[in-house]
PDB file of N, CA and C in Angstrom:
ATOM      1  N   MET A   1     140.737 183.401 212.183  1.00  0.00           N
ATOM      2  CA  MET A   1     140.634 183.688 213.172  1.00  0.00           C
ATOM      3  C   MET A   1     141.469 185.403 213.200  1.00  0.00           C
ATOM      4  N   GLN A   2     140.328 185.774 214.089  1.00  0.00           N
ATOM      5  CA  GLN A   2     140.864 187.475 214.191  1.00  0.00           C
ATOM      6  C   GLN A   2     141.556 187.535 214.811  1.00  0.00           C
ATOM      7  N   PRO A   3     143.168 188.372 214.875  1.00  0.00           N
ATOM      8  CA  PRO A   3     143.959 188.931 215.619  1.00  0.00           C
ATOM      9  C   PRO A   3     143.861 188.835 216.931  1.00  0.00           C
ATOM     10  N   GLY A   4     144.421 188.092 218.099  1.00  0.00           N
ATOM     11  CA  GLY A   4     143.993 188.234 219.520  1.00  0.00           C
ATOM     12  C   GLY A   4     143.201 187.454 220.263  1.00  0.00           C
ATOM     13  N   VAL A   5     142.513 186.765 219.545  1.00  0.00           N
ATOM     14  CA  VAL A   5     141.153 185.819 219.656  1.00  0.00           C
ATOM     15  C   VAL A   5     141.951 184.525 221.057  1.00  0.00           C
ATOM     16  N   SER A   6     141.714 184.488 221.845  1.00  0.00           N
ATOM     17  CA  SER A   6     142.102 183.138 222.544  1.00  0.00           C
ATOM     18  C   SER A   6     141.646 182.085 221.562  1.00  0.00           C
ATOM     19  N   VAL A   7     142.101 181.087 221.437  1.00  0.00           N
ATOM     20  CA  VAL A   7     141.884 179.801 220.701  1.00  0.00           C
ATOM     21  C   VAL A   7     140.889 178.911 222.061  1.00  0.00           C
ATOM     22  N   ALA A   8     141.506 179.304 223.037  1.00  0.00           N
ATOM     23  CA  ALA A   8     140.830 178.508 224.043  1.00  0.00           C
ATOM     24  C   ALA A   8     139.419 179.135 224.184  1.00  0.00           C
ATOM     25  N   GLN A   9     139.377 180.203 224.284  1.00  0.00           N
ATOM     26  CA  GLN A   9     137.951 181.219 224.653  1.00  0.00           C
ATOM     27  C   GLN A   9     136.778 180.455 222.979  1.00  0.00           C
ATOM     28  N   LEU A  10     137.475 180.865 222.178  1.00  0.00           N
ATOM     29  CA  LEU A  10     136.977 180.838 220.947  1.00  0.00           C
ATOM     30  C   LEU A  10     135.998 179.306 220.690  1.00  0.00           C
ATOM     31  N   ALA A  11     136.960 178.680 221.343  1.00  0.00           N
ATOM     32  CA  ALA A  11     136.536 177.089 221.450  1.00  0.00           C
ATOM     33  C   ALA A  11     135.348 176.657 222.166  1.00  0.00           C
ATOM     34  N   ARG A  12     135.381 177.686 223.163  1.00  0.00           N
ATOM     35  CA  ARG A  12     134.382 177.612 224.841  1.00  0.00           C
ATOM     36  C   ARG A  12     133.027 178.293 224.206  1.00  0.00           C
ATOM     37  N   GLU A  13     133.007 179.144 223.331  1.00  0.00           N
ATOM     38  CA  GLU A  13     131.857 180.231 223.308  1.00  0.00           C
ATOM     39  C   GLU A  13     130.675 179.266 221.788  1.00  0.00           C
ATOM     40  N   ASN A  14     131.673 177.850 221.370  1.00  0.00           N
ATOM     41  CA  ASN A  14     131.508 177.691 220.495  1.00  0.00           C
ATOM     42  C   ASN A  14     131.119 176.063 220.992  1.00  0.00           C
ATOM     43  N   ASN A  15     131.617 175.864 221.904  1.00  0.00           N
ATOM     44  CA  ASN A  15     130.858 174.444 222.735  1.00  0.00           C
ATOM     45  C   ASN A  15     132.276 173.131 221.509  1.00  0.00           C
ATOM     46  N   ILE A  16     133.180 174.033 221.619  1.00  0.00           N
ATOM     47  CA  ILE A  16     133.972 173.004 221.426  1.00  0.00           C
ATOM     48  C   ILE A  16     135.118 172.136 221.849  1.00  0.00           C
ATOM     49  N   ASN A  17     135.613 170.947 222.331  1.00  0.00           N
ATOM     50  CA  ASN A  17     137.110 171.208 222.395  1.00  0.00           C
ATOM     51  C   ASN A  17     138.196 172.083 222.249  1.00  0.00           C
ATOM     52  N   ASP A  18     138.641 172.706 223.270  1.00  0.00           N
ATOM     53  CA  ASP A  18     140.371 173.007 223.319  1.00  0.00           C
ATOM     54  C   ASP A  18     140.841 172.818 222.632  1.00  0.00           C
ATOM     55  N   ASN A  19     141.184 171.441 223.076  1.00  0.00           N
ATOM     56  CA  ASN A  19     141.958 170.271 221.991  1.00  0.00           C
ATOM     57  C   ASN A  19     141.957 170.139 220.814  1.00  0.00           C
ATOM     58  N   LEU A  20     140.678 170.398 220.141  1.00  0.00           N
ATOM     59  CA  LEU A  20     139.989 169.527 218.788  1.00  0.00           C
ATOM     60  C   LEU A  20     140.230 170.958 218.257  1.00  0.00           C
ATOM     61  N   LEU A  21     139.771 172.044 218.784  1.00  0.00           N
ATOM     62  CA  LEU A  21     139.900 173.432 217.674  1.00  0.00           C
ATOM     63  C   LEU A  21     141.767 173.800 218.001  1.00  0.00           C
ATOM     64  N   PHE A  22     142.260 173.614 218.393  1.00  0.00           N
ATOM     65  CA  PHE A  22     144.272 173.450 218.321  1.00  0.00           C
ATOM     66  C   PHE A  22     144.116 172.823 217.135  1.00  0.00           C
ATOM     67  N   ASN A  23     143.769 171.145 217.684  1.00  0.00           N
ATOM     68  CA  ASN A  23     144.258 170.391 216.138  1.00  0.00           C
ATOM     69  C   ASN A  23     144.024 170.722 214.886  1.00  0.00           C
ATOM     70  N   TRP A  24     142.982 171.312 214.749  1.00  0.00           N
ATOM     71  CA  TRP A  24     142.175 171.856 213.547  1.00  0.00           C
ATOM     72  C   TRP A  24     143.164 172.797 212.858  1.00  0.00           C
ATOM     73  N   ARG A  25     143.084 173.917 214.060  1.00  0.00           N
ATOM     74  CA  ARG A  25     143.972 175.102 213.539  1.00  0.00           C
ATOM     75  C   ARG A  25     145.782 174.631 213.336  1.00  0.00           C
ATOM     76  N   ARG A  26     145.754 173.376 213.962  1.00  0.00           N
ATOM     77  CA  ARG A  26     147.233 173.453 213.201  1.00  0.00           C
ATOM     78  C   ARG A  26     147.095 172.346 211.922  1.00  0.00           C
ATOM     79  N   PHE A  27     146.262 171.814 211.198  1.00  0.00           N
ATOM     80  CA  PHE A  27     146.444 171.033 210.251  1.00  0.00           C
ATOM     81  C   PHE A  27     145.928 171.720 209.304  1.00  0.00           C
ATOM     82  N   TYR A  28     144.881 172.744 209.825  1.00  0.00           N
ATOM     83  CA  TYR A  28     144.887 173.938 208.472  1.00  0.00           C
ATOM     84  C   TYR A  28     146.240 174.380 208.300  1.00  0.00           C
ATOM     85  N   GLN A  29     147.374 175.557 209.098  1.00  0.00           N
ATOM     86  CA  GLN A  29     148.038 175.375 208.963  1.00  0.00           C
ATOM     87  C   GLN A  29     148.777 174.803 208.002  1.00  0.00           C
ATOM     88  N   GLN A  30     149.198 173.482 208.405  1.00  0.00           N
ATOM     89  CA  GLN A  30     149.692 172.784 207.315  1.00  0.00           C
ATOM     90  C   GLN A  30     149.515 172.399 206.702  1.00  0.00           C
ATOM     91  N   GLY A  31     148.565 173.022 205.889  1.00  0.00           N
ATOM     92  CA  GLY A  31     148.006 172.746 204.800  1.00  0.00           C
ATOM     93  C   GLY A  31     146.950 171.191 204.686  1.00  0.00           C
ATOM     94  N   LEU A  32     147.092 170.734 205.822  1.00  0.00           N
ATOM     95  CA  LEU A  32     146.508 169.120 205.816  1.00  0.00           C
ATOM     96  C   LEU A  32     144.616 169.394 206.171  1.00  0.00           C
ATOM     97  N   LEU A  33     143.581 170.396 205.836  1.00  0.00           N
ATOM     98  CA  LEU A  33     142.369 170.842 205.423  1.00  0.00           C
ATOM     99  C   LEU A  33     142.200 171.365 204.463  1.00  0.00           C
ATOM    100  N   ALA A  34     141.134 170.870 203.425  1.00  0.00           N
ATOM    101  CA  ALA A  34     140.835 171.354 202.541  1.00  0.00           C
ATOM    102  C   ALA A  34     139.654 172.068 202.089  1.00  0.00           C
ATOM    103  N   ALA A  35     139.791 173.167 201.722  1.00  0.00           N
ATOM    104  CA  ALA A  35     138.383 173.518 201.977  1.00  0.00           C
ATOM    105  C   ALA A  35     137.031 172.897 201.425  1.00  0.00           C
ATOM    106  N   ARG A  36     135.997 172.598 201.563  1.00  0.00           N
ATOM    107  CA  ARG A  36     134.624 172.053 201.674  1.00  0.00           C
ATOM    108  C   ARG A  36     134.410 172.909 200.062  1.00  0.00           C
ATOM    109  N   THR A  37     133.506 171.614 199.271  1.00  0.00           N
ATOM    110  CA  THR A  37     133.420 171.843 198.191  1.00  0.00           C
ATOM    111  C   THR A  37     131.411 171.701 198.336  1.00  0.00           C
ATOM    112  N   ASP A  38     130.958 172.324 197.702  1.00  0.00           N
ATOM    113  CA  ASP A  38     129.569 172.222 197.597  1.00  0.00           C
ATOM    114  C   ASP A  38     129.228 171.419 196.611  1.00  0.00           C
ATOM    115  N   ALA A  39     130.113 171.291 195.437  1.00  0.00           N
ATOM    116  CA  ALA A  39     129.676 170.487 194.739  1.00  0.00           C
ATOM    117  C   ALA A  39     129.132 168.808 194.901  1.00  0.00           C
ATOM    118  N   PRO A  40     127.734 168.146 194.286  1.00  0.00           N
ATOM    119  CA  PRO A  40     128.072 166.999 194.663  1.00  0.00           C
ATOM    120  C   PRO A  40     129.005 166.326 194.350  1.00  0.00           C
ATOM    121  N   VAL A  41     128.916 164.506 194.679  1.00  0.00           N
ATOM    122  CA  VAL A  41     130.043 163.951 194.330  1.00  0.00           C
ATOM    123  C   VAL A  41     129.402 162.948 193.963  1.00  0.00           C
ATOM    124  N   MET A  42     129.299 162.134 192.611  1.00  0.00           N
ATOM    125  CA  MET A  42     129.109 161.060 192.309  1.00  0.00           C
ATOM    126  C   MET A  42     129.514 159.810 192.957  1.00  0.00           C
ATOM    127  N   LEU A  43     128.324 159.074 192.990  1.00  0.00           N
ATOM    128  CA  LEU A  43     129.191 157.860 194.067  1.00  0.00           C
ATOM    129  C   LEU A  43     128.692 156.574 193.488  1.00  0.00           C
ATOM    130  N   PRO A  44     129.681 155.533 193.464  1.00  0.00           N
ATOM    131  CA  PRO A  44     128.748 153.908 193.274  1.00  0.00           C
ATOM    132  C   PRO A  44     127.343 154.108 194.473  1.00  0.00           C
ATOM    133  N   VAL A  45     126.836 153.241 194.191  1.00  0.00           N
ATOM    134  CA  VAL A  45     125.587 152.661 195.154  1.00  0.00           C
ATOM    135  C   VAL A  45     125.063 151.941 194.849  1.00  0.00           C
ATOM    136  N   THR A  46     124.731 151.036 196.280  1.00  0.00           N
ATOM    137  CA  THR A  46     124.130 149.189 196.127  1.00  0.00           C
ATOM    138  C   THR A  46     123.210 148.798 197.630  1.00  0.00           C
ATOM    139  N   LEU A  47     122.480 148.471 196.708  1.00  0.00           N
ATOM    140  CA  LEU A  47     121.866 147.885 198.317  1.00  0.00           C
ATOM    141  C   LEU A  47     121.440 146.627 198.572  1.00  0.00           C
ATOM    142  N   ALA A  48     121.288 145.967 199.681  1.00  0.00           N
ATOM    143  CA  ALA A  48     121.668 144.614 200.043  1.00  0.00           C
ATOM    144  C   ALA A  48     121.076 144.997 201.161  1.00  0.00           C
ATOM    145  N   ALA A  49     119.909 143.577 201.627  1.00  0.00           N
ATOM    146  CA  ALA A  49     120.224 143.404 202.824  1.00  0.00           C
ATOM    147  C   ALA A  49     120.951 142.804 203.981  1.00  0.00           C
ATOM    148  N   GLU A  50     120.849 143.011 204.980  1.00  0.00           N
ATOM    149  CA  GLU A  50     121.832 142.389 205.896  1.00  0.00           C
ATOM    150  C   GLU A  50     122.009 141.413 206.574  1.00  0.00           C
ATOM    151  N   SER A  51     122.725 140.280 206.650  1.00  0.00           N
ATOM    152  CA  SER A  51     122.362 138.887 207.075  1.00  0.00           C
ATOM    153  C   SER A  51     122.361 138.957 208.701  1.00  0.00           C
ATOM    154  N   GLY A  52     121.821 138.233 209.391  1.00  0.00           N
ATOM    155  CA  GLY A  52     121.923 138.283 210.687  1.00  0.00           C
ATOM    156  C   GLY A  52     122.976 137.019 210.966  1.00  0.00           C
ATOM    157  N   PRO A  53     122.862 136.719 212.339  1.00  0.00           N
ATOM    158  CA  PRO A  53     124.234 135.918 212.718  1.00  0.00           C
ATOM    159  C   PRO A  53     123.367 134.475 212.179  1.00  0.00           C
ATOM    160  N   GLY A  54     124.221 133.625 211.774  1.00  0.00           N
ATOM    161  CA  GLY A  54     123.627 132.382 211.362  1.00  0.00           C
ATOM    162  C   GLY A  54     122.957 131.661 210.340  1.00  0.00           C
ATOM    163  N   GLN A  55     122.411 133.517 209.231  1.00  0.00           N
ATOM    164  CA  GLN A  55     122.174 133.534 207.751  1.00  0.00           C
ATOM    165  C   GLN A  55     122.729 132.898 207.167  1.00  0.00           C
ATOM    166  N   PRO A  56     122.610 132.666 206.059  1.00  0.00           N
ATOM    167  CA  PRO A  56     123.228 132.450 204.501  1.00  0.00           C
ATOM    168  C   PRO A  56     123.591 133.714 203.692  1.00  0.00           C
ATOM    169  N   HIS A  57     124.659 134.041 203.811  1.00  0.00           N
ATOM    170  CA  HIS A  57     124.606 135.747 202.904  1.00  0.00           C
ATOM    171  C   HIS A  57     123.958 135.473 200.998  1.00  0.00           C
ATOM    172  N   PRO A  58     122.608 136.522 201.139  1.00  0.00           N
ATOM    173  CA  PRO A  58     122.076 136.084 199.410  1.00  0.00           C
ATOM    174  C   PRO A  58     123.669 136.081 198.422  1.00  0.00           C
ATOM    175  N   PRO A  59     123.367 135.022 197.215  1.00  0.00           N
ATOM    176  CA  PRO A  59     123.616 135.237 196.392  1.00  0.00           C
ATOM    177  C   PRO A  59     124.095 136.032 195.616  1.00  0.00           C
ATOM    178  N   SER A  60     125.306 136.649 194.994  1.00  0.00           N
ATOM    179  CA  SER A  60     125.267 138.546 194.210  1.00  0.00           C
ATOM    180  C   SER A  60     124.826 137.682 193.194  1.00  0.00           C
ATOM    181  N   VAL A  61     123.915 138.626 192.190  1.00  0.00           N
ATOM    182  CA  VAL A  61     123.684 138.188 191.197  1.00  0.00           C
ATOM    183  C   VAL A  61     124.192 139.550 190.061  1.00  0.00           C
ATOM    184  N   GLN A  62     124.687 140.944 190.912  1.00  0.00           N
ATOM    185  CA  GLN A  62     125.162 141.801 189.748  1.00  0.00           C
ATOM    186  C   GLN A  62     126.737 141.414 188.949  1.00  0.00           C
ATOM    187  N   SER A  63     126.868 141.348 188.035  1.00  0.00           N
ATOM    188  CA  SER A  63     128.394 141.487 187.461  1.00  0.00           C
ATOM    189  C   SER A  63     129.159 142.698 188.435  1.00  0.00           C
ATOM    190  N   ASP A  64     130.724 141.920 187.936  1.00  0.00           N
ATOM    191  CA  ASP A  64     131.509 142.995 188.289  1.00  0.00           C
ATOM    192  C   ASP A  64     131.437 144.477 187.783  1.00  0.00           C
ATOM    193  N   ASP A  65     131.245 144.474 186.970  1.00  0.00           N
ATOM    194  CA  ASP A  65     131.345 145.528 185.928  1.00  0.00           C
ATOM    195  C   ASP A  65     129.647 146.553 186.039  1.00  0.00           C
ATOM    196  N   ALA A  66     129.001 145.877 187.026  1.00  0.00           N
ATOM    197  CA  ALA A  66     127.760 146.632 187.210  1.00  0.00           C
ATOM    198  C   ALA A  66     128.189 147.864 188.193  1.00  0.00           C
ATOM    199  N   PRO A  67     127.182 148.729 187.897  1.00  0.00           N
ATOM    200  CA  PRO A  67     127.641 150.237 189.040  1.00  0.00           C
ATOM    201  C   PRO A  67     126.825 150.230 189.955  1.00  0.00           C
ATOM    202  N   CYS A  68     127.535 150.449 191.214  1.00  0.00           N
ATOM    203  CA  CYS A  68     126.907 149.707 192.412  1.00  0.00           C
ATOM    204  C   CYS A  68     127.328 151.095 193.551  1.00  0.00           C
ATOM    205  N   CYS A  69     127.371 151.205 194.448  1.00  0.00           N
ATOM    206  CA  CYS A  69     127.160 152.215 195.766  1.00  0.00           C
ATOM    207  C   CYS A  69     126.954 151.695 197.326  1.00  0.00           C
ATOM    208  N   GLU A  70     127.859 151.475 197.874  1.00  0.00           N
ATOM    209  CA  GLU A  70     128.345 151.593 199.168  1.00  0.00           C
ATOM    210  C   GLU A  70     128.363 152.269 200.255  1.00  0.00           C
ATOM    211  N   LEU A  71     127.806 151.782 201.264  1.00  0.00           N
ATOM    212  CA  LEU A  71     127.836 153.472 201.780  1.00  0.00           C
ATOM    213  C   LEU A  71     128.131 152.160 203.328  1.00  0.00           C
ATOM    214  N   VAL A  72     128.832 152.567 204.276  1.00  0.00           N
ATOM    215  CA  VAL A  72     128.982 151.515 205.613  1.00  0.00           C
ATOM    216  C   VAL A  72     128.842 152.814 206.665  1.00  0.00           C
ATOM    217  N   LEU A  73     127.671 152.344 207.487  1.00  0.00           N
ATOM    218  CA  LEU A  73     127.265 153.194 207.932  1.00  0.00           C
ATOM    219  C   LEU A  73     127.166 152.223 209.389  1.00  0.00           C
ATOM    220  N   PRO A  74     127.124 153.058 210.791  1.00  0.00           N
ATOM    221  CA  PRO A  74     127.453 152.736 212.439  1.00  0.00           C
ATOM    222  C   PRO A  74     126.214 151.462 212.284  1.00  0.00           C
ATOM    223  N   ALA A  75     124.959 151.266 211.823  1.00  0.00           N
ATOM    224  CA  ALA A  75     123.973 150.747 211.949  1.00  0.00           C
ATOM    225  C   ALA A  75     123.878 149.811 211.176  1.00  0.00           C
ATOM    226  N   GLY A  76     124.424 149.357 210.082  1.00  0.00           N
ATOM    227  CA  GLY A  76     124.391 148.266 209.112  1.00  0.00           C
ATOM    228  C   GLY A  76     125.643 149.604 207.575  1.00  0.00           C
ATOM    229  N   THR A  77     125.058 148.380 206.333  1.00  0.00           N
ATOM    230  CA  THR A  77     125.615 148.817 205.437  1.00  0.00           C
ATOM    231  C   THR A  77     124.731 148.863 204.036  1.00  0.00           C
ATOM    232  N   LEU A  78     124.762 150.108 203.164  1.00  0.00           N
ATOM    233  CA  LEU A  78     123.765 150.419 202.333  1.00  0.00           C
ATOM    234  C   LEU A  78     124.443 150.587 201.037  1.00  0.00           C
ATOM    235  N   ARG A  79     123.734 149.189 200.130  1.00  0.00           N
ATOM    236  CA  ARG A  79     124.499 149.220 198.758  1.00  0.00           C
ATOM    237  C   ARG A  79     123.151 149.523 197.594  1.00  0.00           C
ATOM    238  N   ILE A  80     122.905 150.108 196.759  1.00  0.00           N
ATOM    239  CA  ILE A  80     122.556 150.238 195.706  1.00  0.00           C
ATOM    240  C   ILE A  80     122.896 150.227 194.397  1.00  0.00           C
ATOM    241  N   SER A  81     122.454 149.397 193.625  1.00  0.00           N
ATOM    242  CA  SER A  81     122.483 149.316 192.276  1.00  0.00           C
ATOM    243  C   SER A  81     121.656 149.045 191.401  1.00  0.00           C
ATOM    244  N   GLY A  82     121.977 148.298 190.136  1.00  0.00           N
ATOM    245  CA  GLY A  82     121.020 148.976 188.972  1.00  0.00           C
ATOM    246  C   GLY A  82     121.134 150.516 188.524  1.00  0.00           C
ATOM    247  N   LYS A  83     120.178 150.743 187.796  1.00  0.00           N
ATOM    248  CA  LYS A  83     120.253 152.286 187.282  1.00  0.00           C
ATOM    249  C   LYS A  83     120.500 153.690 188.190  1.00  0.00           C
ATOM    250  N   LEU A  84     121.709 153.477 187.560  1.00  0.00           N
ATOM    251  CA  LEU A  84     122.309 154.671 189.531  1.00  0.00           C
ATOM    252  C   LEU A  84     122.134 156.178 188.006  1.00  0.00           C
ATOM    253  N   THR A  85     120.756 156.662 188.660  1.00  0.00           N
ATOM    254  CA  THR A  85     121.153 157.989 187.408  1.00  0.00           C
ATOM    255  C   THR A  85     121.715 159.480 188.463  1.00  0.00           C
ATOM    256  N   PRO A  86     121.894 160.349 187.833  1.00  0.00           N
ATOM    257  CA  PRO A  86     122.153 161.264 188.431  1.00  0.00           C
ATOM    258  C   PRO A  86     121.881 161.689 189.883  1.00  0.00           C
ATOM    259  N   GLU A  87     120.406 161.665 189.400  1.00  0.00           N
ATOM    260  CA  GLU A  87     118.961 162.355 190.271  1.00  0.00           C
ATOM    261  C   GLU A  87     119.209 161.521 191.683  1.00  0.00           C
ATOM    262  N   LEU A  88     118.966 159.813 191.202  1.00  0.00           N
ATOM    263  CA  LEU A  88     119.310 159.156 192.052  1.00  0.00           C
ATOM    264  C   LEU A  88     120.059 159.556 193.364  1.00  0.00           C
ATOM    265  N   LEU A  89     121.005 159.535 192.190  1.00  0.00           N
ATOM    266  CA  LEU A  89     122.802 160.087 193.679  1.00  0.00           C
ATOM    267  C   LEU A  89     122.923 161.093 194.138  1.00  0.00           C
ATOM    268  N   GLN A  90     122.261 162.139 193.724  1.00  0.00           N
ATOM    269  CA  GLN A  90     122.596 163.250 194.492  1.00  0.00           C
ATOM    270  C   GLN A  90     121.767 163.346 195.188  1.00  0.00           C
ATOM    271  N   MET A  91     119.951 162.772 195.508  1.00  0.00           N
ATOM    272  CA  MET A  91     119.220 162.877 196.593  1.00  0.00           C
ATOM    273  C   MET A  91     119.657 161.911 197.689  1.00  0.00           C
ATOM    274  N   LEU A  92     120.501 160.577 197.217  1.00  0.00           N
ATOM    275  CA  LEU A  92     121.308 159.879 198.182  1.00  0.00           C
ATOM    276  C   LEU A  92     122.167 161.231 198.853  1.00  0.00           C
ATOM    277  N   ILE A  93     123.182 161.596 198.261  1.00  0.00           N
ATOM    278  CA  ILE A  93     124.753 162.983 198.794  1.00  0.00           C
ATOM    279  C   ILE A  93     123.359 163.848 199.854  1.00  0.00           C
ATOM    280  N   ARG A  94     122.179 163.743 199.227  1.00  0.00           N
ATOM    281  CA  ARG A  94     121.858 165.552 199.982  1.00  0.00           C
ATOM    282  C   ARG A  94     121.006 165.061 201.582  1.00  0.00           C
ATOM    283  N   GLU A  95     120.806 163.591 201.388  1.00  0.00           N
ATOM    284  CA  GLU A  95     119.989 163.086 202.504  1.00  0.00           C
ATOM    285  C   GLU A  95     121.259 162.668 203.171  1.00  0.00           C
ATOM    286  N   MET A  96     122.607 162.353 203.037  1.00  0.00           N
ATOM    287  CA  MET A  96     123.440 162.021 203.593  1.00  0.00           C
ATOM    288  C   MET A  96     124.359 163.078 204.099  1.00  0.00           C
ATOM    289  N   GLN A  97     124.380 164.545 203.555  1.00  0.00           N
ATOM    290  CA  GLN A  97     124.687 165.551 204.032  1.00  0.00           C
ATOM    291  C   GLN A  97     123.990 166.301 205.201  1.00  0.00           C
ATOM    292  N   GLY A  98     122.147 166.021 205.017  1.00  0.00           N
ATOM    293  CA  GLY A  98     121.398 166.562 206.169  1.00  0.00           C
ATOM    294  C   GLY A  98     121.446 165.382 207.269  1.00  0.00           C
ATOM    295  N   SER A  99     121.473 164.449 207.252  1.00  0.00           N
ATOM    296  CA  SER A  99     121.823 163.659 208.226  1.00  0.00           C
ATOM    297  C   SER A  99     122.639 163.924 209.314  1.00  0.00           C
ATOM    298  N   SER A 100     123.752 164.772 208.565  1.00  0.00           N
ATOM    299  CA  SER A 100     125.211 164.790 210.008  1.00  0.00           C
ATOM    300  C   SER A 100     125.151 166.086 210.167  1.00  0.00           C
ATOM    301  N   ARG A 101     124.147 166.821 210.094  1.00  0.00           N
ATOM    302  CA  ARG A 101     123.767 168.197 210.452  1.00  0.00           C
ATOM    303  C   ARG A 101     122.933 168.245 211.745  1.00  0.00           C
TER     304      ARG A 101
END
């Protein structure tokens, strides 16, 4: 922030709740917020169909050491298993980052 800038005014100008910006600022000053890196992070992925109420869960056929990725999302869980190539995981990360914008 520039010297002399009001945190409340800056928050209003950017459509951010004043208290939220004050908290972020305090966390940053305490060293609790790390700088964001743009480097992709490799994640294990597993895809599985969600079982509805009253439906039995499908048996698991993957071994415990098989690579997989599980993303818990508000609308369900995404699991990807099998051959997890760097390209597949990078595409997944790009898609997830794009959906948060």
